[in-house]
Amino acid sequence: MKRSNYISILLLFLNISLFGQNCVSGYVTIEKPNQWDDKVYLSKVIFEGNTNTYTTLPIASSPLKKDGFFKFDKNLFTEKNHIYKIQLNPLTAETKKRLSTTIKNFRLFIVSKNDTIFFNKEEKLFATYTTDNNADREWQKLKNFEAKYENLTSDFDTKKYLLETKGYVKDSLQILLVKLIGIKKLDDQNLLDKDIKANPEYYISLLKELKSSELESSTYAYLENKLAILNQQITTQKYHISLWTNGVMLIIILSLTLIKSRKKVVIPKPIPLSKQEKAVKDLIVCGKSNKEIANELFISLSTVKTHITNIYSKLNISNRQDLLLKK
């Protein structure tokens, strides 16, 4: 066997051994080493509840070899997928200033202790890498999808972005951790609250799925807090609407009661009796019969009866007994 073949086999064996021990490794190319720290730092990423930022929990550092190689042992990572960050820190003010414009000195990725990530040796820091972690691969797909929205303009269509991103996150991505990242991207665009209110069932279902998964609770605590706050806001809003409705109803009832209490009872004025009717009335009170009244007033019996009918109507009575009581 040729010597070159032996070397290839040896290199392959070394690579297998390297990946077997190291979870995260690779190279960084530094143009001016004196402007940078000589270590790569590894941190665990924790999303902060109710904000669009995250915090990092330092885990370890790896010294850079002369060729720029670094490595982190798999024992530094957990069995479950989580988001991590590697970073190279600048030493000079000039380099720090350039970080916000031309240089990106860190990279976020998803990994577990059962996976391997290898950063390729390129001009830019942590530019590209290979990984066998499915969640991280899905994350890269999401990043590529969102790249076209990086340079937002005044005519940015929020509805289109919401529909496309929401559809991609919900339908295309099947890995929970990446769904969380996509949801956080919606929040960065101030679209998450709107989407939760429009699709509460989806987010409640997603939270149940997250709780029943093997993901660490700190990973989805952000979304859980978000849902709790929005649910409280909705409950408070409903409570205020209920108070307002009850208040309006109470005002209406009180107004109607007041109007009713102020409404005057109109007592109809009695219709005055004619002179002849008054004479008939007085005779009735005196106990005279109809015939006696007719003889005394020199009128017919039928005329007496007509006068009596008119008297009953005007005085709102129905018989002689009522008339005697009214005298």
Protein backbone atom coordinates (compact mmCIF):
# COMPACT_ATOMS: atom_id res chain seq x y z
CA MET A 1 0.00 0.00 0.00
CA LYS A 2 1.28 3.42 -0.93
CA ARG A 3 2.40 5.84 1.73
CA SER A 4 -0.27 8.39 0.67
CA ASN A 5 -2.99 5.80 1.32
CA TYR A 6 -1.62 5.17 4.80
CA ILE A 7 -1.71 8.89 5.49
CA SER A 8 -5.33 9.15 4.26
CA ILE A 9 -6.41 6.24 6.46
CA LEU A 10 -4.59 7.78 9.42
CA LEU A 11 -6.25 11.16 8.89
CA LEU A 12 -9.66 9.48 8.59
CA PHE A 13 -9.04 7.61 11.83
CA LEU A 14 -7.97 10.80 13.56
CA ASN A 15 -11.10 12.61 12.36
CA ILE A 16 -13.35 9.80 13.61
CA SER A 17 -11.56 9.86 16.95
CA LEU A 18 -11.80 13.64 17.09
CA PHE A 19 -15.53 13.71 16.41
CA GLY A 20 -16.08 10.89 18.88
CA GLN A 21 -14.65 12.92 21.77
CA ASN A 22 -15.51 16.45 20.76
CA CYS A 23 -19.04 17.74 20.37
CA VAL A 24 -18.12 21.17 18.98
CA SER A 25 -14.84 21.89 17.23
CA GLY A 26 -13.35 23.64 14.24
CA TYR A 27 -11.17 26.53 13.15
CA VAL A 28 -11.16 30.30 13.26
CA THR A 29 -9.00 32.41 10.99
CA ILE A 30 -7.72 35.60 12.62
CA GLU A 31 -6.11 38.23 10.44
CA LYS A 32 -4.57 40.17 13.35
CA PRO A 33 -4.19 37.81 16.34
CA ASN A 34 -2.94 40.59 18.65
CA GLN A 35 -6.39 42.25 18.43
CA TRP A 36 -8.27 39.18 19.67
CA ASP A 37 -8.40 36.96 22.72
CA ASP A 38 -6.62 33.62 22.36
CA LYS A 39 -9.65 31.63 23.55
CA VAL A 40 -13.05 30.68 22.18
CA TYR A 41 -15.83 30.90 24.77
CA LEU A 42 -18.84 28.59 25.00
CA SER A 43 -22.14 29.68 26.65
CA LYS A 44 -25.62 28.31 27.07
CA VAL A 45 -28.40 30.55 25.69
CA ILE A 46 -31.47 31.33 27.78
CA PHE A 47 -34.33 33.35 26.32
CA GLU A 48 -35.55 36.04 28.67
CA GLY A 49 -39.27 36.05 29.37
CA ASN A 50 -41.32 38.95 27.98
CA THR A 51 -38.39 40.49 26.09
CA ASN A 52 -36.79 40.13 22.67
CA THR A 53 -33.34 39.35 24.10
CA TYR A 54 -31.50 36.43 25.61
CA THR A 55 -28.91 35.88 28.30
CA THR A 56 -25.93 33.55 28.24
CA LEU A 57 -24.59 31.23 30.92
CA PRO A 58 -20.81 30.72 30.49
CA ILE A 59 -19.79 27.06 30.34
CA ALA A 60 -16.17 26.74 29.21
CA SER A 61 -13.39 28.15 27.06
CA SER A 62 -11.06 26.51 24.59
CA PRO A 63 -7.53 27.79 23.87
CA LEU A 64 -6.79 28.45 20.22
CA LYS A 65 -3.93 26.51 18.69
CA LYS A 66 -1.55 28.15 16.26
CA ASP A 67 -3.59 26.98 13.32
CA GLY A 68 -6.79 28.38 14.87
CA PHE A 69 -8.20 25.05 16.02
CA PHE A 70 -10.51 24.85 19.06
CA LYS A 71 -12.64 22.12 20.61
CA PHE A 72 -15.24 21.49 23.29
CA ASP A 73 -15.73 18.06 24.81
CA LYS A 74 -19.14 16.41 24.55
CA ASN A 75 -19.37 16.16 28.35
CA LEU A 76 -19.96 19.93 28.44
CA PHE A 77 -23.33 19.43 26.76
CA THR A 78 -26.58 17.76 27.79
CA GLU A 79 -28.52 14.85 26.37
CA LYS A 80 -31.28 17.20 25.26
CA ASN A 81 -31.12 19.76 22.45
CA HIS A 82 -30.32 23.27 23.55
CA ILE A 83 -29.13 26.52 22.02
CA TYR A 84 -25.48 27.43 22.60
CA LYS A 85 -23.20 30.27 21.66
CA ILE A 86 -19.51 30.34 20.81
CA GLN A 87 -17.69 33.64 20.80
CA LEU A 88 -14.29 35.18 20.21
CA ASN A 89 -13.73 38.37 22.18
CA PRO A 90 -11.91 41.44 20.78
CA LEU A 91 -9.08 43.04 22.77
CA THR A 92 -8.82 46.47 21.16
CA ALA A 93 -11.31 49.34 20.97
CA GLU A 94 -10.88 49.46 17.20
CA THR A 95 -11.93 45.83 16.83
CA LYS A 96 -14.87 46.26 19.22
CA LYS A 97 -16.10 49.17 17.11
CA ARG A 98 -15.97 47.05 13.97
CA LEU A 99 -18.13 44.35 15.55
CA SER A 100 -21.32 46.30 14.89
CA THR A 101 -20.46 46.99 11.25
CA THR A 102 -18.25 44.47 9.47
CA ILE A 103 -17.43 41.68 11.91
CA LYS A 104 -19.61 39.10 13.64
CA ASN A 105 -17.65 37.43 16.42
CA PHE A 106 -20.15 34.80 17.58
CA ARG A 107 -22.48 32.04 16.37
CA LEU A 108 -25.60 30.47 17.84
CA PHE A 109 -26.38 26.82 17.20
CA ILE A 110 -28.41 23.88 18.49
CA VAL A 111 -26.68 20.75 19.71
CA SER A 112 -26.79 17.88 22.21
CA LYS A 113 -23.94 15.78 23.54
CA ASN A 114 -24.82 13.09 21.00
CA ASP A 115 -24.15 15.40 18.02
CA THR A 116 -21.11 16.94 16.40
CA ILE A 117 -20.61 20.40 14.92
CA PHE A 118 -17.49 21.33 13.00
CA PHE A 119 -16.71 24.94 12.01
CA ASN A 120 -14.93 25.26 8.70
CA LYS A 121 -11.76 27.26 8.27
CA GLU A 122 -12.79 30.42 6.42
CA GLU A 123 -12.01 34.13 6.31
CA LYS A 124 -15.03 35.12 8.42
CA LEU A 125 -15.34 33.98 12.03
CA PHE A 126 -17.67 30.99 12.51
CA ALA A 127 -19.05 31.53 8.99
CA THR A 128 -20.08 27.99 8.06
CA TYR A 129 -20.17 24.65 9.77
CA THR A 130 -21.38 21.09 9.32
CA THR A 131 -23.66 19.39 11.81
CA ASP A 132 -25.62 16.18 12.26
CA ASN A 133 -28.19 17.81 14.57
CA ASN A 134 -31.56 17.84 12.82
CA ALA A 135 -32.89 20.72 14.90
CA ASP A 136 -29.98 22.92 13.92
CA ARG A 137 -30.43 22.02 10.27
CA GLU A 138 -34.06 23.10 10.45
CA TRP A 139 -32.95 26.31 12.11
CA GLN A 140 -30.64 27.03 9.19
CA LYS A 141 -33.61 26.56 6.83
CA LEU A 142 -35.56 29.12 8.83
CA LYS A 143 -32.64 31.56 8.72
CA ASN A 144 -32.43 31.21 4.95
CA PHE A 145 -36.19 31.81 4.71
CA GLU A 146 -35.95 34.95 6.82
CA ALA A 147 -32.90 36.33 5.00
CA LYS A 148 -35.10 38.06 2.42
CA TYR A 149 -36.69 40.09 5.24
CA GLU A 150 -33.43 41.35 6.76
CA ASN A 151 -33.45 44.72 4.97
CA LEU A 152 -36.92 46.02 5.79
CA THR A 153 -38.24 49.00 3.86
CA SER A 154 -41.12 51.39 4.33
CA ASP A 155 -43.33 49.20 2.13
CA PHE A 156 -42.72 46.08 4.24
CA ASP A 157 -45.87 43.96 4.11
CA THR A 158 -46.44 42.78 7.69
CA LYS A 159 -49.47 40.69 6.76
CA LYS A 160 -47.54 38.80 4.10
CA TYR A 161 -44.62 38.24 6.45
CA LEU A 162 -46.96 37.00 9.17
CA LEU A 163 -48.69 34.56 6.86
CA GLU A 164 -45.49 33.23 5.30
CA THR A 165 -43.46 32.98 8.50
CA LYS A 166 -46.32 31.56 10.53
CA GLY A 167 -47.01 28.98 7.84
CA TYR A 168 -43.36 28.00 7.65
CA VAL A 169 -42.96 27.70 11.38
CA LYS A 170 -46.19 25.80 11.92
CA ASP A 171 -46.32 23.59 8.87
CA SER A 172 -42.80 23.01 7.56
CA LEU A 173 -40.78 22.76 10.76
CA GLN A 174 -41.43 19.75 12.92
CA ILE A 175 -38.80 20.36 15.59
CA LEU A 176 -40.09 22.12 18.68
CA LEU A 177 -36.95 24.07 19.48
CA VAL A 178 -36.88 25.60 16.01
CA LYS A 179 -40.57 26.42 16.27
CA LEU A 180 -39.72 28.42 19.37
CA ILE A 181 -37.01 30.30 17.50
CA GLY A 182 -39.41 31.05 14.67
CA ILE A 183 -42.05 32.24 17.12
CA LYS A 184 -39.50 34.53 18.76
CA LYS A 185 -38.74 35.95 15.32
CA LEU A 186 -42.41 36.83 15.02
CA ASP A 187 -42.15 38.63 18.33
CA ASP A 188 -39.09 40.55 17.09
CA GLN A 189 -41.32 41.87 14.29
CA ASN A 190 -44.05 42.79 16.85
CA LEU A 191 -46.38 40.24 15.27
CA LEU A 192 -46.54 37.53 17.95
CA ASP A 193 -49.16 39.13 20.20
CA LYS A 194 -51.43 39.61 17.21
CA ASP A 195 -50.96 36.02 16.09
CA ILE A 196 -51.57 34.58 19.57
CA LYS A 197 -54.84 36.51 19.83
CA ALA A 198 -55.85 35.30 16.36
CA ASN A 199 -54.78 31.66 16.95
CA PRO A 200 -54.89 30.98 20.71
CA GLU A 201 -55.67 27.27 20.24
CA TYR A 202 -52.47 26.69 18.28
CA TYR A 203 -50.22 28.27 20.90
CA ILE A 204 -51.97 26.53 23.80
CA SER A 205 -51.53 23.23 21.98
CA LEU A 206 -47.88 24.01 21.25
CA LEU A 207 -47.22 24.80 24.91
CA LYS A 208 -48.75 21.46 25.94
CA GLU A 209 -46.54 19.73 23.38
CA LEU A 210 -43.47 21.52 24.73
CA LYS A 211 -44.29 20.56 28.31
CA SER A 212 -44.67 16.92 27.36
CA SER A 213 -41.40 16.92 25.39
CA GLU A 214 -37.86 16.39 26.65
CA LEU A 215 -36.94 20.06 26.22
CA GLU A 216 -35.79 21.89 29.31
CA SER A 217 -38.52 24.11 30.76
CA SER A 218 -36.21 27.14 30.60
CA THR A 219 -36.23 26.80 26.80
CA TYR A 220 -39.92 27.55 26.44
CA ALA A 221 -40.40 29.64 29.62
CA TYR A 222 -40.40 32.71 27.36
CA LEU A 223 -43.47 31.53 25.44
CA GLU A 224 -45.20 30.30 28.60
CA ASN A 225 -44.79 33.71 30.24
CA LYS A 226 -45.95 35.42 27.06
CA LEU A 227 -49.13 33.34 26.94
CA ALA A 228 -49.76 33.91 30.66
CA ILE A 229 -49.45 37.70 30.29
CA LEU A 230 -51.66 37.84 27.20
CA ASN A 231 -54.22 35.58 28.86
CA GLN A 232 -54.25 37.91 31.87
CA GLN A 233 -54.67 40.89 29.56
CA ILE A 234 -57.59 39.23 27.78
CA THR A 235 -59.19 38.30 31.12
CA THR A 236 -58.72 41.85 32.41
CA GLN A 237 -60.13 43.27 29.18
CA LYS A 238 -63.19 41.01 29.43
CA TYR A 239 -63.60 42.03 33.08
CA HIS A 240 -63.49 45.72 32.17
CA ILE A 241 -65.96 45.17 29.33
CA SER A 242 -68.24 43.34 31.77
CA LEU A 243 -67.96 46.20 34.27
CA TRP A 244 -68.67 48.74 31.55
CA THR A 245 -71.68 46.77 30.30
CA ASN A 246 -73.08 46.31 33.81
CA GLY A 247 -72.50 50.00 34.49
CA VAL A 248 -74.39 51.02 31.37
CA MET A 249 -77.26 48.69 32.25
CA LEU A 250 -77.38 50.08 35.80
CA ILE A 251 -77.50 53.65 34.47
CA ILE A 252 -80.35 52.72 32.11
CA ILE A 253 -82.31 51.05 34.92
CA LEU A 254 -81.79 54.01 37.27
CA SER A 255 -82.79 56.44 34.53
CA LEU A 256 -85.98 54.54 33.79
CA THR A 257 -86.78 54.33 37.49
CA LEU A 258 -86.21 58.05 37.90
CA ILE A 259 -88.34 58.89 34.90
CA LYS A 260 -91.11 56.65 36.17
CA SER A 261 -90.96 58.17 39.66
CA ARG A 262 -91.12 61.67 38.25
CA LYS A 263 -94.00 60.90 35.96
CA LYS A 264 -97.11 62.66 37.28
CA VAL A 265 -100.31 60.71 37.71
CA VAL A 266 -102.87 62.62 35.66
CA ILE A 267 -106.18 62.58 37.49
CA PRO A 268 -108.94 63.43 35.09
CA LYS A 269 -110.99 66.44 36.17
CA PRO A 270 -114.61 65.58 36.91
CA ILE A 271 -117.10 66.74 34.28
CA PRO A 272 -119.49 69.17 35.90
CA LEU A 273 -123.13 68.18 36.12
CA SER A 274 -125.76 70.27 34.38
CA LYS A 275 -128.33 72.13 36.43
CA GLN A 276 -130.99 69.51 35.74
CA GLU A 277 -128.56 66.63 36.45
CA LYS A 278 -127.59 68.24 39.73
CA ALA A 279 -131.30 68.49 40.69
CA VAL A 280 -131.78 64.79 39.83
CA LYS A 281 -128.71 63.89 41.89
CA ASP A 282 -129.91 65.81 44.91
CA LEU A 283 -133.32 64.10 44.77
CA ILE A 284 -131.65 60.67 44.51
CA VAL A 285 -129.59 61.51 47.59
CA CYS A 286 -132.81 62.45 49.33
CA GLY A 287 -134.09 58.93 48.62
CA LYS A 288 -136.60 59.78 45.90
CA SER A 289 -137.57 57.17 43.33
CA ASN A 290 -137.36 57.78 39.61
CA LYS A 291 -141.08 58.29 39.37
CA GLU A 292 -141.08 60.77 42.27
CA ILE A 293 -138.21 62.69 40.67
CA ALA A 294 -140.13 62.86 37.33
CA ASN A 295 -143.23 64.21 39.09
CA GLU A 296 -141.28 66.75 41.13
CA LEU A 297 -139.29 68.09 38.18
CA PHE A 298 -142.18 67.83 35.72
CA ILE A 299 -140.20 65.63 33.32
CA SER A 300 -140.82 62.22 31.86
CA LEU A 301 -139.59 59.01 33.47
CA SER A 302 -137.33 58.29 30.47
CA THR A 303 -135.73 61.71 30.84
CA VAL A 304 -134.99 60.97 34.49
CA LYS A 305 -133.32 57.74 33.49
CA THR A 306 -131.22 59.55 30.88
CA HIS A 307 -130.09 62.10 33.49
CA ILE A 308 -129.17 59.33 35.91
CA THR A 309 -127.07 57.57 33.22
CA ASN A 310 -125.22 60.81 32.53
CA ILE A 311 -124.64 61.41 36.25
CA TYR A 312 -123.16 57.91 36.73
CA SER A 313 -120.85 58.44 33.74
CA LYS A 314 -119.61 61.87 34.82
CA LEU A 315 -119.04 60.79 38.43
CA ASN A 316 -117.50 57.44 37.38
CA ILE A 317 -119.95 55.38 39.43
CA SER A 318 -122.34 52.57 38.59
CA ASN A 319 -125.25 52.65 41.04
CA ARG A 320 -127.19 54.67 43.60
CA GLN A 321 -125.12 53.20 46.45
CA ASP A 322 -121.94 54.68 44.95
CA LEU A 323 -123.74 57.99 44.54
CA LEU A 324 -124.78 58.05 48.19
CA LEU A 325 -121.16 57.35 49.21
CA LYS A 326 -119.89 60.21 47.03
CA LYS A 327 -122.30 62.86 48.37
